[in-house]
Amino acid sequence: MGWDKGGRYYTRSHRVNGRVVREHIGGGKIGELAAQLDAIEREKRESERAAVRAEREKIATLDASLNELDELADLLTRAALAVAGYVQHNRGEWRKKRG
C-alpha cells in the first residue's frame, strides 16, 4: 500500500487466490482519502492485535501461578502418602508398604 515512486497516485495491494494483486486507486484527493482510510484500518488491526497479545500475556501469568500451585499440591500429597507408609511403585501407583 502506498504512493507510487513519483507520488502521483495511490495503490493498494491485497491477495486474491494466493496471489498479490495491486489495485490502482488514483491521485489527488481520492488517493489521499484512500490512504487515510487504509491508515485507519491498519491502526484498528494493530490495536486488535495488541489487545489479543495483552490477553495472552494475562492468561500466561495466571497459568504460571496455577502450575506453581499444582506442583506444591503434588509435593504435599507425596509427603502425606510417604508419612502414611505408602511407596510409589515404579513411578506409578502408590502402594502400602508390607510389614
C-alpha atoms as a PDB file:
ATOM      1  CA  MET A   1       0.000   0.000   0.000  1.00  0.00           C
ATOM      2  CA  GLY A   2       1.246   3.413  -0.771  1.00  0.00           C
ATOM      3  CA  TRP A   3       2.002   6.077  -3.249  1.00  0.00           C
ATOM      4  CA  ASP A   4       3.939   5.246  -6.391  1.00  0.00           C
ATOM      5  CA  LYS A   5       7.528   6.434  -6.654  1.00  0.00           C
ATOM      6  CA  GLY A   6       6.596   9.773  -8.156  1.00  0.00           C
ATOM      7  CA  GLY A   7       3.831  10.324  -5.589  1.00  0.00           C
ATOM      8  CA  ARG A   8       1.234  10.869  -8.278  1.00  0.00           C
ATOM      9  CA  TYR A   9      -1.229   8.094  -7.490  1.00  0.00           C
ATOM     10  CA  TYR A  10      -2.075   5.730  -4.649  1.00  0.00           C
ATOM     11  CA  THR A  11      -2.072   1.934  -4.929  1.00  0.00           C
ATOM     12  CA  ARG A  12      -3.365  -0.785  -2.647  1.00  0.00           C
ATOM     13  CA  SER A  13      -2.108  -4.393  -2.607  1.00  0.00           C
ATOM     14  CA  HIS A  14      -4.164  -7.389  -1.495  1.00  0.00           C
ATOM     15  CA  ARG A  15      -4.262 -11.153  -2.036  1.00  0.00           C
ATOM     16  CA  VAL A  16      -6.619 -12.905  -4.440  1.00  0.00           C
ATOM     17  CA  ASN A  17      -6.390 -16.716  -4.556  1.00  0.00           C
ATOM     18  CA  GLY A  18      -2.896 -16.611  -3.038  1.00  0.00           C
ATOM     19  CA  ARG A  19      -1.530 -14.037  -5.472  1.00  0.00           C
ATOM     20  CA  VAL A  20      -0.787 -10.398  -4.682  1.00  0.00           C
ATOM     21  CA  VAL A  21      -2.886  -8.041  -6.791  1.00  0.00           C
ATOM     22  CA  ARG A  22      -2.161  -4.313  -6.937  1.00  0.00           C
ATOM     23  CA  GLU A  23      -5.168  -2.036  -7.154  1.00  0.00           C
ATOM     24  CA  HIS A  24      -4.608   1.462  -8.531  1.00  0.00           C
ATOM     25  CA  ILE A  25      -6.828   3.911  -6.635  1.00  0.00           C
ATOM     26  CA  GLY A  26      -5.937   7.287  -8.084  1.00  0.00           C
ATOM     27  CA  GLY A  27      -4.226  10.531  -7.267  1.00  0.00           C
ATOM     28  CA  GLY A  28      -5.160  13.806  -5.680  1.00  0.00           C
ATOM     29  CA  LYS A  29      -7.965  13.909  -3.106  1.00  0.00           C
ATOM     30  CA  ILE A  30      -9.185  10.381  -3.929  1.00  0.00           C
ATOM     31  CA  GLY A  31      -5.714   8.957  -3.320  1.00  0.00           C
ATOM     32  CA  GLU A  32      -5.317  10.918  -0.092  1.00  0.00           C
ATOM     33  CA  LEU A  33      -8.698   9.738   1.212  1.00  0.00           C
ATOM     34  CA  ALA A  34      -7.905   6.118   0.338  1.00  0.00           C
ATOM     35  CA  ALA A  35      -4.521   6.442   2.093  1.00  0.00           C
ATOM     36  CA  GLN A  36      -6.219   7.839   5.208  1.00  0.00           C
ATOM     37  CA  LEU A  37      -8.805   5.030   5.225  1.00  0.00           C
ATOM     38  CA  ASP A  38      -6.061   2.424   4.872  1.00  0.00           C
ATOM     39  CA  ALA A  39      -4.110   4.038   7.730  1.00  0.00           C
ATOM     40  CA  ILE A  40      -7.214   3.904   9.958  1.00  0.00           C
ATOM     41  CA  GLU A  41      -7.729   0.219   9.093  1.00  0.00           C
ATOM     42  CA  ARG A  42      -4.059  -0.545   9.858  1.00  0.00           C
ATOM     43  CA  GLU A  43      -4.313   1.187  13.249  1.00  0.00           C
ATOM     44  CA  LYS A  44      -7.512  -0.733  14.019  1.00  0.00           C
ATOM     45  CA  ARG A  45      -5.900  -4.088  13.170  1.00  0.00           C
ATOM     46  CA  GLU A  46      -2.805  -3.227  15.224  1.00  0.00           C
ATOM     47  CA  SER A  47      -4.897  -2.273  18.268  1.00  0.00           C
ATOM     48  CA  GLU A  48      -6.842  -5.549  17.968  1.00  0.00           C
ATOM     49  CA  ARG A  49      -3.548  -7.485  17.794  1.00  0.00           C
ATOM     50  CA  ALA A  50      -2.257  -5.605  20.849  1.00  0.00           C
ATOM     51  CA  ALA A  51      -5.424  -6.477  22.786  1.00  0.00           C
ATOM     52  CA  VAL A  52      -5.063 -10.162  21.886  1.00  0.00           C
ATOM     53  CA  ARG A  53      -1.381 -10.057  22.876  1.00  0.00           C
ATOM     54  CA  ALA A  54      -2.236  -8.496  26.246  1.00  0.00           C
ATOM     55  CA  GLU A  55      -4.931 -11.120  26.894  1.00  0.00           C
ATOM     56  CA  ARG A  56      -2.468 -13.930  26.091  1.00  0.00           C
ATOM     57  CA  GLU A  57       0.093 -12.458  28.493  1.00  0.00           C
ATOM     58  CA  LYS A  58      -2.558 -12.222  31.206  1.00  0.00           C
ATOM     59  CA  ILE A  59      -3.545 -15.862  30.674  1.00  0.00           C
ATOM     60  CA  ALA A  60       0.119 -16.936  30.693  1.00  0.00           C
ATOM     61  CA  THR A  61       0.624 -15.206  34.050  1.00  0.00           C
ATOM     62  CA  LEU A  62      -2.419 -16.936  35.535  1.00  0.00           C
ATOM     63  CA  ASP A  63      -1.310 -20.250  34.059  1.00  0.00           C
ATOM     64  CA  ALA A  64       2.145 -19.905  35.653  1.00  0.00           C
ATOM     65  CA  SER A  65       0.550 -19.339  39.065  1.00  0.00           C
ATOM     66  CA  LEU A  66      -1.679 -22.358  38.587  1.00  0.00           C
ATOM     67  CA  ASN A  67       1.293 -24.541  37.598  1.00  0.00           C
ATOM     68  CA  GLU A  68       3.134 -23.489  40.763  1.00  0.00           C
ATOM     69  CA  LEU A  69       0.085 -24.352  42.875  1.00  0.00           C
ATOM     70  CA  ASP A  70      -0.154 -27.748  41.134  1.00  0.00           C
ATOM     71  CA  GLU A  71       3.494 -28.535  41.907  1.00  0.00           C
ATOM     72  CA  LEU A  72       3.059 -27.599  45.573  1.00  0.00           C
ATOM     73  CA  ALA A  73      -0.090 -29.735  45.888  1.00  0.00           C
ATOM     74  CA  ASP A  74       1.726 -32.682  44.302  1.00  0.00           C
ATOM     75  CA  LEU A  75       4.653 -32.266  46.704  1.00  0.00           C
ATOM     76  CA  LEU A  76       2.290 -32.103  49.691  1.00  0.00           C
ATOM     77  CA  THR A  77       0.424 -35.217  48.528  1.00  0.00           C
ATOM     78  CA  ARG A  78       3.668 -37.176  48.095  1.00  0.00           C
ATOM     79  CA  ALA A  79       4.833 -36.160  51.562  1.00  0.00           C
ATOM     80  CA  ALA A  80       1.500 -37.139  53.159  1.00  0.00           C
ATOM     81  CA  LEU A  81       1.499 -40.538  51.438  1.00  0.00           C
ATOM     82  CA  ALA A  82       5.131 -41.198  52.418  1.00  0.00           C
ATOM     83  CA  VAL A  83       4.401 -40.343  56.062  1.00  0.00           C
ATOM     84  CA  ALA A  84       1.375 -42.669  55.984  1.00  0.00           C
ATOM     85  CA  GLY A  85       3.608 -45.572  54.935  1.00  0.00           C
ATOM     86  CA  TYR A  86       2.980 -45.678  51.200  1.00  0.00           C
ATOM     87  CA  VAL A  87       5.607 -46.066  48.474  1.00  0.00           C
ATOM     88  CA  GLN A  88       5.326 -45.216  44.821  1.00  0.00           C
ATOM     89  CA  HIS A  89       5.674 -48.369  42.751  1.00  0.00           C
ATOM     90  CA  ASN A  90       7.783 -47.916  39.597  1.00  0.00           C
ATOM     91  CA  ARG A  91       6.861 -44.192  39.329  1.00  0.00           C
ATOM     92  CA  GLY A  92       3.207 -45.193  39.057  1.00  0.00           C
ATOM     93  CA  GLU A  93       0.613 -46.051  41.675  1.00  0.00           C
ATOM     94  CA  TRP A  94       1.079 -45.664  45.397  1.00  0.00           C
ATOM     95  CA  ARG A  95       1.047 -48.893  47.461  1.00  0.00           C
ATOM     96  CA  LYS A  96       1.036 -49.541  51.206  1.00  0.00           C
ATOM     97  CA  LYS A  97       4.351 -50.956  52.438  1.00  0.00           C
ATOM     98  CA  ARG A  98       4.173 -54.502  53.703  1.00  0.00           C
ATOM     99  CA  GLY A  99       5.084 -55.320  57.263  1.00  0.00           C
END
